[in-house]
Amino acid sequence: MTSPDARPTDWTQLSDEELLDLRLCDLRLSLRTSPLKERIGRLRAELHARGLRFEPHFWISDEWFTPDGVPGIAVPFYLAHPRLTRLELNQMLEVEGGTEEWCMKILRHEAGHAVDNAYLLRRRRERQRLFGRSSTRYPEIYRPRPYSKRFVIHLDHWYAQAHPDEDFAETFATWLTHPPEVWRQRYAGWPALRKLEYVHALMQEIAGREPLVRSHRRVEPLETLAKTLREHYRQRREHYGVTFPAEAYDHDLRRLFSDRPEHQHHASALRFLRRYRREVRRTVAQWTGAYQYAIDQVLSDIVSRCRALNLRLAGTEEQAKRDFAVLLTVHTMNFLHSGGYEVAL
């Protein structure tokens, strides 16, 4: 561990290992000089274009969230500086909200929570009837039903199914993203369309009105968080990690690779997986919607089984790469749709 006196005053020049020993509160970030500034401005313009006079306030914290009852949005520190974005990628294998499109999706979702809080919409009986009560216990994990048509699909992991408030925020985000003719066609025949029509009418009703709640309270702002970046990422990896029974892959791995004597001089499956792990992981994440970090835990188990079974390539690397991407996708999708798939919140 580097002593504080030995560290350069500019933390942007620190190595990842050195940076991980800094406390979050020592980063001293500002939204005014952040890449998020332009995207926040874009969100505000979208709200104004829909006739809403409400503008959420923003602050930097350790993750995305909108506190209960607060008409404002916390944004994660790693999007406030490119050096921290690189660290996030190295630690978590992906950056939640790292592209402009992804960031705007999350901002629109969080704006749904903030509008809900600003106008006390959760108190309305029709809102409760369609979406459920906000007082419903918020789960640590949820088990989505990927084929359900009762919910819109905006963020990954069928997030609208996590809780009534997430359902409302996802429906609002869908309404804000697309004009009525688009979402009416996309969700024609879905029960979710009734929710969209309700949000559409509700936003027309409150358009031009001042918010009922105008608090600018900030919850867990970055300057109050004394944990180190190392502690932060350890907690996040524990939270989002997923464990699969490794032996369950043996049958398929033996079909893809081989431990037969005639293949003993071929390249090892371990070497193959190390070479293509990142590429295949990204591909499977794109097609399944699963967290790259979670998929990487599956890959770690598979690497362990390939080592234990002493497997080697039976054919060409190109064919093995295609087949392995299919194998990993099938197992991931089977897990997603088995009813045992749980998403951490």
Protein backbone atom coordinates (compact mmCIF):
# COMPACT_ATOMS: atom_id res chain seq x y z
CA MET A 1 0.00 0.00 0.00
CA THR A 2 1.33 3.43 -0.91
CA SER A 3 1.69 5.84 1.98
CA PRO A 4 -0.31 9.09 1.70
CA ASP A 5 2.87 11.16 1.66
CA ALA A 6 4.22 9.21 -1.33
CA ARG A 7 1.17 9.69 -3.48
CA PRO A 8 1.16 12.39 -6.16
CA THR A 9 -1.26 15.22 -5.44
CA ASP A 10 -3.01 14.53 -8.75
CA TRP A 11 -4.90 11.25 -8.23
CA THR A 12 -5.54 10.99 -11.98
CA GLN A 13 -1.91 9.93 -12.34
CA LEU A 14 -2.15 7.10 -9.81
CA SER A 15 -2.07 3.46 -10.83
CA ASP A 16 -5.23 1.42 -10.25
CA GLU A 17 -3.71 -0.16 -7.14
CA GLU A 18 -2.83 3.23 -5.68
CA LEU A 19 -6.17 4.74 -6.66
CA LEU A 20 -8.07 1.94 -4.91
CA ASP A 21 -6.64 3.06 -1.58
CA LEU A 22 -8.17 6.54 -1.87
CA ARG A 23 -11.38 7.33 -0.05
CA LEU A 24 -14.39 8.35 -2.12
CA CYS A 25 -14.63 11.63 -0.23
CA ASP A 26 -11.06 12.52 -1.28
CA LEU A 27 -11.91 12.54 -5.00
CA ARG A 28 -13.46 16.03 -4.80
CA LEU A 29 -15.48 15.78 -7.98
CA SER A 30 -17.81 18.35 -9.48
CA LEU A 31 -20.71 17.97 -11.90
CA ARG A 32 -19.93 21.39 -13.38
CA THR A 33 -16.77 20.01 -14.99
CA SER A 34 -18.10 16.51 -15.52
CA PRO A 35 -18.96 14.74 -18.80
CA LEU A 36 -22.41 14.25 -17.20
CA LYS A 37 -23.19 17.96 -17.43
CA GLU A 38 -24.26 17.80 -21.08
CA ARG A 39 -26.40 14.69 -20.54
CA ILE A 40 -28.15 16.21 -17.54
CA GLY A 41 -28.89 19.25 -19.68
CA ARG A 42 -30.33 16.99 -22.36
CA LEU A 43 -32.65 15.33 -19.82
CA ARG A 44 -33.88 18.70 -18.58
CA ALA A 45 -34.57 19.77 -22.16
CA GLU A 46 -36.62 16.60 -22.72
CA LEU A 47 -38.69 17.26 -19.60
CA HIS A 48 -39.31 20.86 -20.68
CA ALA A 49 -40.30 19.72 -24.18
CA ARG A 50 -43.04 17.59 -22.59
CA GLY A 51 -44.36 20.62 -20.71
CA LEU A 52 -43.01 19.63 -17.30
CA ARG A 53 -41.82 22.53 -15.17
CA PHE A 54 -40.03 20.18 -12.83
CA GLU A 55 -36.22 19.99 -12.84
CA PRO A 56 -34.57 17.36 -10.63
CA HIS A 57 -31.44 18.37 -8.75
CA PHE A 58 -28.32 16.23 -9.05
CA TRP A 59 -25.36 15.25 -6.90
CA ILE A 60 -22.50 12.74 -7.02
CA SER A 61 -22.59 9.59 -4.90
CA ASP A 62 -21.33 6.02 -5.16
CA GLU A 63 -24.10 4.75 -7.46
CA TRP A 64 -27.27 5.66 -9.36
CA PHE A 65 -30.31 6.23 -7.13
CA THR A 66 -33.22 8.51 -6.33
CA PRO A 67 -33.97 8.57 -2.58
CA ASP A 68 -37.51 7.93 -1.45
CA GLY A 69 -39.36 11.23 -1.21
CA VAL A 70 -36.56 13.30 -2.77
CA PRO A 71 -37.12 14.97 -6.18
CA GLY A 72 -33.45 14.62 -7.11
CA ILE A 73 -31.00 12.13 -8.60
CA ALA A 74 -27.66 10.78 -7.37
CA VAL A 75 -25.21 9.93 -10.14
CA PRO A 76 -22.16 7.62 -9.76
CA PHE A 77 -18.70 9.07 -9.27
CA TYR A 78 -17.13 6.95 -12.01
CA LEU A 79 -19.00 8.88 -14.71
CA ALA A 80 -17.68 12.21 -13.42
CA HIS A 81 -14.09 11.70 -14.63
CA PRO A 82 -12.54 9.58 -17.43
CA ARG A 83 -9.88 8.16 -15.09
CA LEU A 84 -12.57 6.80 -12.78
CA THR A 85 -14.50 5.42 -15.75
CA ARG A 86 -11.42 3.38 -16.70
CA LEU A 87 -11.11 2.11 -13.14
CA GLU A 88 -14.78 1.10 -13.13
CA LEU A 89 -14.27 -0.86 -16.35
CA ASN A 90 -11.22 -2.64 -14.94
CA GLN A 91 -12.97 -3.49 -11.69
CA MET A 92 -16.47 -4.41 -12.92
CA LEU A 93 -15.78 -5.29 -16.59
CA GLU A 94 -18.43 -2.82 -17.78
CA VAL A 95 -19.51 0.74 -17.00
CA GLU A 96 -23.18 1.15 -16.13
CA GLY A 97 -24.27 4.24 -18.06
CA GLY A 98 -20.90 4.49 -19.79
CA THR A 99 -22.27 5.29 -23.25
CA GLU A 100 -24.45 8.29 -24.00
CA GLU A 101 -27.42 6.09 -24.94
CA TRP A 102 -27.13 3.96 -21.81
CA CYS A 103 -26.62 7.01 -19.60
CA MET A 104 -29.73 8.71 -20.99
CA LYS A 105 -31.78 5.57 -20.40
CA ILE A 106 -30.80 5.57 -16.74
CA LEU A 107 -31.34 9.32 -16.38
CA ARG A 108 -34.86 9.02 -17.81
CA HIS A 109 -35.58 6.14 -15.45
CA GLU A 110 -34.35 8.08 -12.41
CA ALA A 111 -36.34 11.10 -13.60
CA GLY A 112 -39.43 8.89 -13.32
CA HIS A 113 -38.69 8.36 -9.63
CA ALA A 114 -37.98 12.06 -9.14
CA VAL A 115 -41.24 13.15 -10.83
CA ASP A 116 -43.10 10.58 -8.73
CA ASN A 117 -41.62 12.15 -5.59
CA ALA A 118 -42.03 15.76 -6.72
CA TYR A 119 -45.77 15.47 -7.41
CA LEU A 120 -46.64 12.82 -4.78
CA LEU A 121 -47.99 10.60 -7.56
CA ARG A 122 -47.70 7.41 -5.53
CA ARG A 123 -50.60 8.57 -3.38
CA ARG A 124 -53.03 8.38 -6.28
CA ARG A 125 -55.36 5.40 -6.18
CA GLU A 126 -55.22 4.70 -9.94
CA ARG A 127 -51.43 4.76 -9.81
CA GLN A 128 -51.56 2.24 -6.94
CA ARG A 129 -54.08 0.07 -8.78
CA LEU A 130 -52.04 -0.12 -11.98
CA PHE A 131 -48.53 -0.33 -10.56
CA GLY A 132 -48.95 -1.47 -6.96
CA ARG A 133 -48.16 0.29 -3.71
CA SER A 134 -44.85 2.00 -3.07
CA SER A 135 -44.98 0.59 0.45
CA THR A 136 -44.41 -2.89 -0.97
CA ARG A 137 -41.26 -4.28 0.60
CA TYR A 138 -38.27 -3.55 -1.62
CA PRO A 139 -36.42 -6.82 -2.34
CA GLU A 140 -32.68 -7.34 -2.33
CA ILE A 141 -33.13 -9.58 -5.37
CA TYR A 142 -35.96 -10.24 -7.81
CA ARG A 143 -36.84 -13.04 -10.21
CA PRO A 144 -37.98 -11.61 -13.55
CA ARG A 145 -40.34 -13.26 -16.00
CA PRO A 146 -38.75 -12.40 -19.34
CA TYR A 147 -41.86 -13.06 -21.44
CA SER A 148 -44.33 -11.07 -19.33
CA LYS A 149 -46.28 -8.40 -21.25
CA ARG A 150 -47.46 -6.62 -18.13
CA PHE A 151 -44.30 -4.50 -18.05
CA VAL A 152 -42.47 -2.22 -20.46
CA ILE A 153 -38.89 -3.04 -21.40
CA HIS A 154 -36.56 -0.09 -21.02
CA LEU A 155 -33.49 -0.96 -18.93
CA ASP A 156 -31.90 -4.41 -19.04
CA HIS A 157 -32.84 -7.30 -16.75
CA TRP A 158 -36.58 -6.60 -17.07
CA TYR A 159 -36.12 -3.99 -14.36
CA ALA A 160 -39.76 -2.89 -14.31
CA GLN A 161 -40.56 -6.19 -12.59
CA ALA A 162 -38.38 -5.44 -9.56
CA HIS A 163 -40.88 -3.29 -7.60
CA PRO A 164 -43.99 -1.12 -8.22
CA ASP A 165 -41.85 2.04 -8.10
CA GLU A 166 -39.44 0.61 -10.67
CA ASP A 167 -42.42 -0.30 -12.85
CA PHE A 168 -43.62 3.31 -12.72
CA ALA A 169 -40.13 4.73 -13.41
CA GLU A 170 -39.60 2.38 -16.37
CA THR A 171 -43.01 3.27 -17.79
CA PHE A 172 -42.26 6.98 -17.40
CA ALA A 173 -38.87 6.53 -19.09
CA THR A 174 -40.51 4.72 -22.02
CA TRP A 175 -43.07 7.54 -22.30
CA LEU A 176 -40.33 10.20 -22.20
CA THR A 177 -38.13 8.42 -24.75
CA HIS A 178 -40.68 7.86 -27.51
CA PRO A 179 -43.68 9.73 -28.93
CA PRO A 180 -47.12 8.10 -28.35
CA GLU A 181 -47.33 6.60 -31.84
CA VAL A 182 -44.12 4.66 -31.22
CA TRP A 183 -44.92 3.16 -27.82
CA ARG A 184 -48.55 2.50 -28.79
CA GLN A 185 -47.37 0.41 -31.72
CA ARG A 186 -44.57 -1.27 -29.75
CA TYR A 187 -46.88 -2.33 -26.90
CA ALA A 188 -50.11 -2.90 -28.82
CA GLY A 189 -52.02 -5.75 -27.19
CA TRP A 190 -49.84 -5.70 -24.07
CA PRO A 191 -51.37 -5.04 -20.61
CA ALA A 192 -48.40 -2.67 -20.17
CA LEU A 193 -50.06 -0.30 -22.66
CA ARG A 194 -52.66 0.66 -20.04
CA LYS A 195 -49.85 1.85 -17.80
CA LEU A 196 -48.33 3.91 -20.60
CA GLU A 197 -51.67 5.52 -21.40
CA TYR A 198 -52.12 6.35 -17.71
CA VAL A 199 -48.67 7.96 -17.48
CA HIS A 200 -49.38 9.88 -20.68
CA ALA A 201 -52.61 11.31 -19.25
CA LEU A 202 -50.98 11.96 -15.88
CA MET A 203 -48.11 13.93 -17.40
CA GLN A 204 -50.56 16.01 -19.41
CA GLU A 205 -52.40 16.76 -16.18
CA ILE A 206 -49.35 17.99 -14.26
CA ALA A 207 -47.75 19.78 -17.24
CA GLY A 208 -47.14 23.41 -16.38
CA ARG A 209 -47.67 22.85 -12.66
CA GLU A 210 -45.10 23.58 -9.99
CA PRO A 211 -43.85 20.56 -8.01
CA LEU A 212 -45.46 19.91 -4.64
CA VAL A 213 -42.13 18.83 -3.13
CA ARG A 214 -39.19 21.17 -3.74
CA SER A 215 -36.59 19.78 -1.37
CA HIS A 216 -32.97 19.85 -2.55
CA ARG A 217 -31.85 17.32 0.04
CA ARG A 218 -28.90 15.15 -0.96
CA VAL A 219 -28.49 11.64 0.39
CA GLU A 220 -25.01 10.14 0.81
CA PRO A 221 -23.16 12.75 -1.26
CA LEU A 222 -19.66 11.73 -2.25
CA GLU A 223 -17.93 14.07 0.19
CA THR A 224 -19.47 12.17 3.13
CA LEU A 225 -18.38 8.67 2.01
CA ALA A 226 -15.23 7.62 3.87
CA LYS A 227 -14.88 4.11 2.43
CA THR A 228 -12.00 3.48 0.05
CA LEU A 229 -12.47 2.64 -3.59
CA ARG A 230 -11.10 -0.81 -2.79
CA GLU A 231 -13.82 -1.37 -0.21
CA HIS A 232 -16.44 0.00 -2.58
CA TYR A 233 -15.56 -2.43 -5.37
CA ARG A 234 -15.23 -5.40 -3.04
CA GLN A 235 -18.79 -4.75 -1.83
CA ARG A 236 -20.11 -4.34 -5.37
CA ARG A 237 -18.52 -7.55 -6.61
CA GLU A 238 -19.99 -9.46 -3.68
CA HIS A 239 -23.38 -7.90 -4.38
CA TYR A 240 -23.53 -8.69 -8.09
CA GLY A 241 -21.64 -11.97 -8.13
CA VAL A 242 -23.48 -15.14 -9.20
CA THR A 243 -22.43 -18.70 -8.45
CA PHE A 244 -23.28 -21.65 -10.70
CA PRO A 245 -22.68 -25.36 -9.94
CA ALA A 246 -19.47 -25.89 -11.91
CA GLU A 247 -19.88 -29.64 -12.43
CA ALA A 248 -23.11 -28.99 -14.34
CA TYR A 249 -20.98 -27.90 -17.33
CA ASP A 250 -18.90 -31.07 -17.58
CA HIS A 251 -21.11 -32.85 -20.13
CA ASP A 252 -21.19 -29.92 -22.57
CA LEU A 253 -17.52 -29.11 -22.06
CA ARG A 254 -16.59 -32.67 -23.00
CA ARG A 255 -18.64 -32.27 -26.19
CA LEU A 256 -16.84 -29.06 -27.08
CA PHE A 257 -13.33 -30.01 -25.93
CA SER A 258 -11.70 -33.41 -25.43
CA ASP A 259 -9.56 -35.41 -23.01
CA ARG A 260 -9.01 -38.25 -25.47
CA PRO A 261 -5.36 -39.37 -26.03
CA GLU A 262 -5.40 -38.47 -29.73
CA HIS A 263 -5.88 -34.78 -28.82
CA GLN A 264 -3.17 -34.59 -26.15
CA HIS A 265 -0.89 -32.53 -28.40
CA HIS A 266 -3.60 -29.99 -29.24
CA ALA A 267 -3.83 -26.59 -27.53
CA SER A 268 -5.34 -26.73 -24.07
CA ALA A 269 -8.88 -25.49 -23.42
CA LEU A 270 -7.38 -23.23 -20.72
CA ARG A 271 -5.20 -21.43 -23.24
CA PHE A 272 -8.14 -21.10 -25.60
CA LEU A 273 -10.43 -19.65 -22.91
CA ARG A 274 -7.83 -17.15 -21.74
CA ARG A 275 -7.42 -15.91 -25.30
CA TYR A 276 -11.13 -15.48 -26.09
CA ARG A 277 -12.66 -14.96 -22.64
CA ARG A 278 -13.24 -11.21 -22.97
CA GLU A 279 -14.60 -11.39 -26.53
CA VAL A 280 -17.06 -14.20 -25.76
CA ARG A 281 -18.14 -12.58 -22.49
CA ARG A 282 -19.06 -9.34 -24.25
CA THR A 283 -20.96 -11.20 -26.97
CA VAL A 284 -23.01 -13.25 -24.49
CA ALA A 285 -23.74 -10.18 -22.34
CA GLN A 286 -25.02 -8.35 -25.41
CA TRP A 287 -27.41 -11.14 -26.39
CA THR A 288 -28.62 -12.23 -22.93
CA GLY A 289 -28.67 -8.95 -21.00
CA ALA A 290 -26.79 -10.59 -18.12
CA TYR A 291 -24.12 -8.67 -16.20
CA GLN A 292 -20.66 -9.15 -17.65
CA TYR A 293 -19.36 -9.61 -14.12
CA ALA A 294 -21.87 -12.41 -13.48
CA ILE A 295 -20.96 -14.11 -16.78
CA ASP A 296 -17.30 -13.86 -15.82
CA GLN A 297 -18.05 -15.83 -12.66
CA VAL A 298 -19.53 -18.56 -14.86
CA LEU A 299 -16.40 -18.44 -17.00
CA SER A 300 -14.23 -18.79 -13.89
CA ASP A 301 -16.09 -21.97 -12.99
CA ILE A 302 -15.69 -23.27 -16.54
CA VAL A 303 -11.95 -22.52 -16.49
CA SER A 304 -11.68 -24.50 -13.25
CA ARG A 305 -13.51 -27.48 -14.78
CA CYS A 306 -11.36 -27.38 -17.94
CA ARG A 307 -8.26 -27.45 -15.73
CA ALA A 308 -9.62 -30.28 -13.58
CA LEU A 309 -10.64 -32.35 -16.61
CA ASN A 310 -7.44 -31.54 -18.57
CA LEU A 311 -9.46 -30.68 -21.68
CA ARG A 312 -7.96 -29.75 -25.04
CA LEU A 313 -9.23 -28.48 -28.37
CA ALA A 314 -10.68 -31.18 -30.59
CA GLY A 315 -11.01 -28.98 -33.70
CA THR A 316 -10.03 -25.53 -34.95
CA GLU A 317 -9.97 -22.48 -32.69
CA GLU A 318 -12.47 -20.67 -34.91
CA GLN A 319 -15.00 -23.49 -34.66
CA ALA A 320 -14.40 -23.79 -30.92
CA LYS A 321 -14.99 -20.06 -30.46
CA ARG A 322 -18.35 -20.23 -32.24
CA ASP A 323 -19.41 -23.34 -30.36
CA PHE A 324 -18.31 -22.00 -27.00
CA ALA A 325 -20.26 -18.75 -27.50
CA VAL A 326 -23.35 -20.86 -28.22
CA LEU A 327 -22.70 -23.08 -25.18
CA LEU A 328 -22.32 -20.11 -22.83
CA THR A 329 -25.37 -18.35 -24.29
CA VAL A 330 -27.55 -21.46 -23.95
CA HIS A 331 -26.52 -22.02 -20.34
CA THR A 332 -27.03 -18.36 -19.51
CA MET A 333 -30.47 -18.27 -21.12
CA ASN A 334 -31.49 -21.54 -19.47
CA PHE A 335 -30.58 -20.01 -16.15
CA LEU A 336 -32.44 -16.77 -16.96
CA HIS A 337 -35.64 -18.59 -17.86
CA SER A 338 -35.52 -21.40 -15.32
CA GLY A 339 -37.18 -19.38 -12.59
CA GLY A 340 -33.99 -19.54 -10.57
CA TYR A 341 -32.50 -16.40 -12.11
CA GLU A 342 -32.17 -13.70 -9.50
CA VAL A 343 -31.11 -10.11 -10.18
CA ALA A 344 -29.42 -8.14 -7.42
CA LEU A 345 -30.76 -4.65 -6.79
